[in-house]
Amino acid sequence: MKTVFNVLEYGASGDGCTMNTAAIAKAVAAVKAAGGGELYFPAGTYLSGTISVVDNLTIHLAPGTTLLASGDFSDYVIARPGQYQSCEFISSCDVENFTIYGAFCVKRTEPRINTLYRRIFQVFLLSGLTNVCY
C-alpha cells in the first residue's frame, strides 16, 4: 500500500487563486524522501507553475479537481533557453514509475504576453520515462 501525501497538508489551497507551486513541490519532495507514494489532490482548483515529478510518484486527482496552469511564464521551468522557449506544466526527465489518474481537468490561465521571446506552453514534458501511465 502506498503512502498518501495530501497536498493540503503541505500548504496547497484548492481555491483557484492561491499560487500552489511551492506547496506542491514540498509535497513532491516528501514523496521523494519516502522513496515514493501517492500525491493526492482533493476536489478543488489548484493554480500552479511547473510541477516536477519524481521516481515512484502517483498523482491522484479526485473528481472535481482542476489543475490550473499559471499564465505567468516566470512560474515555469524553461526547458529550452533561446528564442523559442518551452514552458512545461508537468515536467520530468528520466523518471521511473510515474502515474497520473483521476477524473480531472487541466486548464491554463490567459498567458501574459512576452514579446521578447516566443514561449511554447506544454502541459506535459515527459522525456526519458519508463513505466508511465496517464
N, C-alpha and C. Protein backbone atom coordinates (compact mmCIF):
# COMPACT_ATOMS: atom_id res chain seq x y z
N MET A 1 0.84 -1.19 0.00
CA MET A 1 0.00 0.00 0.00
C MET A 1 0.88 1.25 0.00
N LYS A 2 0.56 2.18 -0.88
CA LYS A 2 1.34 3.41 -1.00
C LYS A 2 1.00 4.40 0.11
N THR A 3 2.01 5.13 0.54
CA THR A 3 1.78 6.22 1.47
C THR A 3 1.14 7.37 0.70
N VAL A 4 0.11 7.97 1.29
CA VAL A 4 -0.62 9.07 0.63
C VAL A 4 -0.16 10.40 1.23
N PHE A 5 0.16 11.33 0.34
CA PHE A 5 0.58 12.68 0.71
C PHE A 5 -0.46 13.65 0.17
N ASN A 6 -1.27 14.21 1.05
CA ASN A 6 -2.33 15.14 0.66
C ASN A 6 -1.71 16.53 0.49
N VAL A 7 -1.87 17.13 -0.68
CA VAL A 7 -1.23 18.43 -0.95
C VAL A 7 -1.70 19.52 0.02
N LEU A 8 -2.91 19.38 0.57
CA LEU A 8 -3.40 20.37 1.53
C LEU A 8 -2.55 20.40 2.79
N GLU A 9 -2.01 19.25 3.15
CA GLU A 9 -1.16 19.16 4.34
C GLU A 9 0.20 19.81 4.15
N TYR A 10 0.52 20.19 2.93
CA TYR A 10 1.79 20.85 2.62
C TYR A 10 1.58 22.32 2.25
N GLY A 11 0.38 22.81 2.50
CA GLY A 11 0.10 24.24 2.30
C GLY A 11 -0.63 24.60 1.03
N ALA A 12 -0.99 23.61 0.21
CA ALA A 12 -1.73 23.92 -1.02
C ALA A 12 -3.16 24.33 -0.68
N SER A 13 -3.75 25.10 -1.58
CA SER A 13 -5.13 25.54 -1.44
C SER A 13 -5.84 25.32 -2.76
N GLY A 14 -7.01 24.72 -2.70
CA GLY A 14 -7.78 24.45 -3.92
C GLY A 14 -8.78 25.53 -4.23
N ASP A 15 -8.43 26.80 -3.88
CA ASP A 15 -9.38 27.91 -4.07
C ASP A 15 -9.33 28.54 -5.45
N GLY A 16 -8.38 28.13 -6.29
CA GLY A 16 -8.27 28.67 -7.64
C GLY A 16 -7.54 30.00 -7.74
N CYS A 17 -7.17 30.58 -6.61
CA CYS A 17 -6.50 31.88 -6.60
C CYS A 17 -5.08 31.83 -6.03
N THR A 18 -4.89 30.96 -5.05
CA THR A 18 -3.59 30.85 -4.37
C THR A 18 -2.59 30.14 -5.27
N MET A 19 -1.37 30.69 -5.37
CA MET A 19 -0.31 30.04 -6.14
C MET A 19 0.22 28.87 -5.31
N ASN A 20 0.15 27.66 -5.87
CA ASN A 20 0.48 26.45 -5.15
C ASN A 20 1.79 25.79 -5.54
N THR A 21 2.59 26.42 -6.38
CA THR A 21 3.81 25.79 -6.88
C THR A 21 4.70 25.31 -5.75
N ALA A 22 4.98 26.16 -4.77
CA ALA A 22 5.89 25.80 -3.68
C ALA A 22 5.30 24.69 -2.81
N ALA A 23 4.01 24.76 -2.51
CA ALA A 23 3.37 23.74 -1.67
C ALA A 23 3.39 22.38 -2.36
N ILE A 24 3.11 22.37 -3.66
CA ILE A 24 3.13 21.11 -4.41
C ILE A 24 4.55 20.56 -4.47
N ALA A 25 5.54 21.43 -4.69
CA ALA A 25 6.94 21.00 -4.72
C ALA A 25 7.35 20.41 -3.37
N LYS A 26 6.86 20.99 -2.28
CA LYS A 26 7.16 20.48 -0.93
C LYS A 26 6.56 19.08 -0.75
N ALA A 27 5.35 18.88 -1.25
CA ALA A 27 4.70 17.57 -1.16
C ALA A 27 5.44 16.55 -2.03
N VAL A 28 5.85 16.95 -3.23
CA VAL A 28 6.61 16.05 -4.12
C VAL A 28 7.93 15.67 -3.46
N ALA A 29 8.59 16.62 -2.79
CA ALA A 29 9.85 16.34 -2.09
C ALA A 29 9.63 15.32 -0.97
N ALA A 30 8.49 15.39 -0.30
CA ALA A 30 8.17 14.41 0.75
C ALA A 30 7.98 13.02 0.16
N VAL A 31 7.32 12.95 -1.01
CA VAL A 31 7.17 11.67 -1.71
C VAL A 31 8.54 11.11 -2.07
N LYS A 32 9.39 11.96 -2.60
CA LYS A 32 10.75 11.53 -2.99
C LYS A 32 11.52 11.02 -1.78
N ALA A 33 11.46 11.76 -0.67
CA ALA A 33 12.18 11.37 0.54
C ALA A 33 11.69 10.02 1.08
N ALA A 34 10.42 9.72 0.86
CA ALA A 34 9.84 8.46 1.32
C ALA A 34 10.12 7.31 0.35
N GLY A 35 10.74 7.61 -0.78
CA GLY A 35 11.02 6.58 -1.78
C GLY A 35 9.86 6.31 -2.71
N GLY A 36 8.82 7.16 -2.62
CA GLY A 36 7.66 7.03 -3.50
C GLY A 36 6.38 7.14 -2.71
N GLY A 37 5.29 7.30 -3.43
CA GLY A 37 3.98 7.39 -2.81
C GLY A 37 2.98 8.06 -3.71
N GLU A 38 1.82 8.31 -3.14
CA GLU A 38 0.71 8.90 -3.89
C GLU A 38 0.51 10.35 -3.45
N LEU A 39 0.56 11.26 -4.40
CA LEU A 39 0.31 12.67 -4.16
C LEU A 39 -1.17 12.90 -4.47
N TYR A 40 -1.95 13.22 -3.43
CA TYR A 40 -3.39 13.31 -3.55
C TYR A 40 -3.85 14.77 -3.58
N PHE A 41 -4.66 15.09 -4.60
CA PHE A 41 -5.29 16.40 -4.73
C PHE A 41 -6.79 16.23 -4.49
N PRO A 42 -7.31 16.71 -3.34
CA PRO A 42 -8.76 16.68 -3.13
C PRO A 42 -9.45 17.61 -4.13
N ALA A 43 -10.75 17.48 -4.28
CA ALA A 43 -11.50 18.34 -5.20
C ALA A 43 -11.18 19.81 -4.93
N GLY A 44 -11.00 20.56 -5.99
CA GLY A 44 -10.68 21.98 -5.90
C GLY A 44 -9.94 22.41 -7.15
N THR A 45 -9.58 23.67 -7.21
CA THR A 45 -8.83 24.22 -8.34
C THR A 45 -7.47 24.69 -7.82
N TYR A 46 -6.41 24.10 -8.35
CA TYR A 46 -5.06 24.33 -7.88
C TYR A 46 -4.26 25.11 -8.92
N LEU A 47 -3.99 26.37 -8.65
CA LEU A 47 -3.19 27.23 -9.52
C LEU A 47 -1.72 26.93 -9.25
N SER A 48 -0.95 26.71 -10.32
CA SER A 48 0.45 26.35 -10.13
C SER A 48 1.27 26.67 -11.37
N GLY A 49 2.57 26.77 -11.15
CA GLY A 49 3.56 26.76 -12.23
C GLY A 49 3.99 25.32 -12.43
N THR A 50 5.24 25.12 -12.87
CA THR A 50 5.73 23.78 -13.16
C THR A 50 5.60 22.84 -11.97
N ILE A 51 5.10 21.65 -12.25
CA ILE A 51 5.07 20.56 -11.28
C ILE A 51 6.08 19.53 -11.79
N SER A 52 7.18 19.38 -11.06
CA SER A 52 8.23 18.43 -11.46
C SER A 52 7.99 17.11 -10.76
N VAL A 53 7.91 16.04 -11.54
CA VAL A 53 7.62 14.73 -10.98
C VAL A 53 8.92 13.98 -10.68
N VAL A 54 8.81 12.96 -9.82
CA VAL A 54 9.97 12.19 -9.38
C VAL A 54 9.66 10.70 -9.53
N ASP A 55 10.68 9.88 -9.32
CA ASP A 55 10.51 8.43 -9.38
C ASP A 55 9.44 7.95 -8.41
N ASN A 56 8.72 6.92 -8.82
CA ASN A 56 7.75 6.22 -7.97
C ASN A 56 6.65 7.14 -7.43
N LEU A 57 6.21 8.05 -8.27
CA LEU A 57 5.18 9.01 -7.89
C LEU A 57 3.88 8.69 -8.62
N THR A 58 2.80 8.63 -7.85
CA THR A 58 1.46 8.53 -8.39
C THR A 58 0.73 9.81 -8.02
N ILE A 59 0.20 10.51 -9.00
CA ILE A 59 -0.63 11.68 -8.74
C ILE A 59 -2.09 11.25 -8.88
N HIS A 60 -2.85 11.39 -7.80
CA HIS A 60 -4.26 11.04 -7.78
C HIS A 60 -5.07 12.33 -7.67
N LEU A 61 -5.85 12.60 -8.68
CA LEU A 61 -6.68 13.80 -8.72
C LEU A 61 -8.13 13.39 -8.52
N ALA A 62 -8.70 13.82 -7.39
CA ALA A 62 -10.07 13.45 -7.04
C ALA A 62 -11.06 14.04 -8.04
N PRO A 63 -12.25 13.44 -8.18
CA PRO A 63 -13.27 14.04 -9.03
C PRO A 63 -13.53 15.49 -8.60
N GLY A 64 -13.64 16.37 -9.58
CA GLY A 64 -13.84 17.78 -9.28
C GLY A 64 -12.55 18.56 -9.12
N THR A 65 -11.43 17.93 -9.44
CA THR A 65 -10.13 18.60 -9.34
C THR A 65 -9.76 19.23 -10.68
N THR A 66 -9.31 20.48 -10.61
CA THR A 66 -8.77 21.18 -11.78
C THR A 66 -7.36 21.62 -11.45
N LEU A 67 -6.41 21.27 -12.32
CA LEU A 67 -5.07 21.81 -12.23
C LEU A 67 -5.05 23.02 -13.15
N LEU A 68 -4.83 24.20 -12.59
CA LEU A 68 -4.88 25.45 -13.33
C LEU A 68 -3.47 25.97 -13.53
N ALA A 69 -3.01 25.90 -14.77
CA ALA A 69 -1.65 26.35 -15.10
C ALA A 69 -1.60 27.87 -15.12
N SER A 70 -0.63 28.42 -14.42
CA SER A 70 -0.45 29.87 -14.35
C SER A 70 -0.24 30.47 -15.74
N GLY A 71 -0.71 31.68 -15.92
CA GLY A 71 -0.49 32.40 -17.17
C GLY A 71 0.78 33.22 -17.16
N ASP A 72 1.53 33.18 -16.06
CA ASP A 72 2.78 33.94 -15.92
C ASP A 72 3.95 33.01 -16.22
N PHE A 73 4.66 33.26 -17.31
CA PHE A 73 5.74 32.37 -17.72
C PHE A 73 6.88 32.30 -16.71
N SER A 74 6.98 33.28 -15.82
CA SER A 74 8.04 33.22 -14.80
C SER A 74 7.76 32.14 -13.75
N ASP A 75 6.59 31.54 -13.77
CA ASP A 75 6.24 30.47 -12.84
C ASP A 75 6.67 29.09 -13.34
N TYR A 76 7.37 29.04 -14.47
CA TYR A 76 7.70 27.76 -15.10
C TYR A 76 9.19 27.54 -15.23
N VAL A 77 9.54 26.24 -15.27
CA VAL A 77 10.88 25.84 -15.64
C VAL A 77 10.97 26.00 -17.15
N ILE A 78 12.01 26.67 -17.61
CA ILE A 78 12.20 26.87 -19.05
C ILE A 78 13.08 25.73 -19.57
N ALA A 79 12.52 24.92 -20.45
CA ALA A 79 13.21 23.72 -20.92
C ALA A 79 14.24 24.00 -22.00
N ARG A 80 13.95 24.96 -22.87
CA ARG A 80 14.87 25.22 -23.97
C ARG A 80 15.14 26.72 -24.02
N PRO A 81 16.22 27.19 -23.39
CA PRO A 81 16.52 28.62 -23.46
C PRO A 81 16.79 29.03 -24.91
N GLY A 82 16.54 30.27 -25.20
CA GLY A 82 16.78 30.77 -26.54
C GLY A 82 15.53 31.46 -27.07
N GLN A 83 15.50 31.65 -28.38
CA GLN A 83 14.40 32.37 -28.99
C GLN A 83 13.07 31.65 -28.82
N TYR A 84 13.07 30.33 -28.95
CA TYR A 84 11.85 29.55 -28.78
C TYR A 84 11.95 28.79 -27.46
N GLN A 85 11.23 29.24 -26.48
CA GLN A 85 11.31 28.64 -25.16
C GLN A 85 10.09 27.76 -24.92
N SER A 86 10.30 26.74 -24.14
CA SER A 86 9.22 25.82 -23.83
C SER A 86 8.96 25.84 -22.32
N CYS A 87 7.72 26.07 -21.95
CA CYS A 87 7.32 26.09 -20.54
C CYS A 87 6.48 24.86 -20.27
N GLU A 88 6.91 24.03 -19.34
CA GLU A 88 6.20 22.80 -19.06
C GLU A 88 5.42 22.90 -17.75
N PHE A 89 4.22 22.40 -17.77
CA PHE A 89 3.38 22.41 -16.58
C PHE A 89 3.68 21.19 -15.71
N ILE A 90 3.65 20.00 -16.29
CA ILE A 90 4.03 18.79 -15.57
C ILE A 90 5.28 18.27 -16.26
N SER A 91 6.40 18.30 -15.54
CA SER A 91 7.69 18.09 -16.17
C SER A 91 8.48 16.98 -15.49
N SER A 92 9.22 16.24 -16.30
CA SER A 92 10.10 15.21 -15.76
C SER A 92 11.24 14.94 -16.72
N CYS A 93 12.24 14.30 -16.21
CA CYS A 93 13.35 13.86 -17.06
C CYS A 93 13.90 12.59 -16.43
N ASP A 94 13.88 11.52 -17.18
CA ASP A 94 14.42 10.23 -16.73
C ASP A 94 13.77 9.75 -15.43
N VAL A 95 12.46 9.83 -15.35
CA VAL A 95 11.72 9.40 -14.17
C VAL A 95 11.15 8.01 -14.42
N GLU A 96 11.17 7.18 -13.40
CA GLU A 96 10.62 5.83 -13.49
C GLU A 96 9.37 5.72 -12.62
N ASN A 97 8.40 4.97 -13.12
CA ASN A 97 7.18 4.64 -12.37
C ASN A 97 6.37 5.87 -11.98
N PHE A 98 5.94 6.61 -12.97
CA PHE A 98 5.09 7.79 -12.76
C PHE A 98 3.69 7.49 -13.29
N THR A 99 2.67 7.79 -12.48
CA THR A 99 1.28 7.61 -12.88
C THR A 99 0.50 8.85 -12.49
N ILE A 100 -0.41 9.27 -13.36
CA ILE A 100 -1.35 10.32 -13.02
C ILE A 100 -2.74 9.79 -13.38
N TYR A 101 -3.68 9.90 -12.42
CA TYR A 101 -5.01 9.37 -12.70
C TYR A 101 -6.07 10.11 -11.92
N GLY A 102 -7.30 9.90 -12.34
CA GLY A 102 -8.46 10.50 -11.68
C GLY A 102 -9.33 11.22 -12.69
N ALA A 103 -10.46 11.70 -12.20
CA ALA A 103 -11.39 12.48 -13.03
C ALA A 103 -11.02 13.94 -12.83
N PHE A 104 -10.21 14.48 -13.72
CA PHE A 104 -9.67 15.82 -13.51
C PHE A 104 -9.64 16.61 -14.81
N CYS A 105 -9.30 17.85 -14.68
CA CYS A 105 -9.20 18.77 -15.81
C CYS A 105 -7.92 19.59 -15.66
N VAL A 106 -7.24 19.83 -16.76
CA VAL A 106 -6.08 20.73 -16.76
C VAL A 106 -6.45 21.92 -17.61
N LYS A 107 -6.32 23.12 -17.03
CA LYS A 107 -6.62 24.36 -17.76
C LYS A 107 -5.46 25.31 -17.62
N ARG A 108 -5.41 26.28 -18.52
CA ARG A 108 -4.37 27.30 -18.47
C ARG A 108 -5.04 28.66 -18.34
N THR A 109 -4.50 29.50 -17.45
CA THR A 109 -4.99 30.87 -17.37
C THR A 109 -4.48 31.64 -18.57
N GLU A 110 -5.08 32.77 -18.86
CA GLU A 110 -4.66 33.59 -20.01
C GLU A 110 -3.20 33.99 -19.85
N PRO A 111 -2.35 33.67 -20.83
CA PRO A 111 -0.93 33.98 -20.69
C PRO A 111 -0.66 35.48 -20.81
N ARG A 112 0.32 35.92 -20.05
CA ARG A 112 0.81 37.29 -20.20
C ARG A 112 1.75 37.30 -21.39
N ILE A 113 1.64 38.29 -22.21
CA ILE A 113 2.41 38.34 -23.46
C ILE A 113 3.84 38.80 -23.18
N ASN A 114 4.79 38.09 -23.75
CA ASN A 114 6.20 38.46 -23.69
C ASN A 114 6.66 38.57 -25.13
N THR A 115 6.92 39.78 -25.59
CA THR A 115 7.27 39.98 -27.00
C THR A 115 8.73 39.68 -27.29
N LEU A 116 9.57 39.55 -26.25
CA LEU A 116 10.98 39.29 -26.48
C LEU A 116 11.22 37.87 -26.97
N TYR A 117 10.47 36.92 -26.42
CA TYR A 117 10.63 35.53 -26.79
C TYR A 117 9.28 34.93 -27.13
N ARG A 118 9.31 33.98 -28.02
CA ARG A 118 8.11 33.18 -28.26
C ARG A 118 8.18 32.02 -27.28
N ARG A 119 7.15 31.86 -26.49
CA ARG A 119 7.14 30.80 -25.49
C ARG A 119 6.11 29.75 -25.87
N ILE A 120 6.52 28.54 -25.80
CA ILE A 120 5.65 27.42 -26.14
C ILE A 120 5.20 26.78 -24.83
N PHE A 121 3.89 26.66 -24.66
CA PHE A 121 3.36 26.06 -23.44
C PHE A 121 3.02 24.61 -23.71
N GLN A 122 3.52 23.73 -22.87
CA GLN A 122 3.20 22.31 -22.97
C GLN A 122 2.64 21.85 -21.63
N VAL A 123 1.58 21.07 -21.67
CA VAL A 123 1.03 20.53 -20.42
C VAL A 123 1.98 19.50 -19.84
N PHE A 124 2.47 18.58 -20.66
CA PHE A 124 3.37 17.54 -20.18
C PHE A 124 4.68 17.61 -20.94
N LEU A 125 5.79 17.50 -20.21
CA LEU A 125 7.08 17.23 -20.83
C LEU A 125 7.56 15.95 -20.15
N LEU A 126 7.37 14.86 -20.82
CA LEU A 126 7.69 13.56 -20.25
C LEU A 126 8.73 12.91 -21.14
N SER A 127 10.00 13.08 -20.76
CA SER A 127 11.07 12.54 -21.60
C SER A 127 11.91 11.56 -20.79
N GLY A 128 12.34 10.52 -21.45
CA GLY A 128 13.20 9.54 -20.82
C GLY A 128 12.53 8.77 -19.70
N LEU A 129 11.22 8.61 -19.79
CA LEU A 129 10.48 7.94 -18.73
C LEU A 129 10.34 6.44 -18.98
N THR A 130 10.25 5.68 -17.89
CA THR A 130 9.90 4.28 -18.01
C THR A 130 8.75 4.00 -17.06
N ASN A 131 7.88 3.09 -17.45
CA ASN A 131 6.71 2.71 -16.64
C ASN A 131 5.83 3.90 -16.32
N VAL A 132 5.31 4.55 -17.36
CA VAL A 132 4.47 5.73 -17.18
C VAL A 132 3.04 5.42 -17.56
N CYS A 133 2.11 5.89 -16.75
CA CYS A 133 0.68 5.76 -17.05
C CYS A 133 0.03 7.11 -16.87
N TYR A 134 -0.86 7.48 -17.82
CA TYR A 134 -1.67 8.69 -17.66
C TYR A 134 -2.86 8.60 -18.56
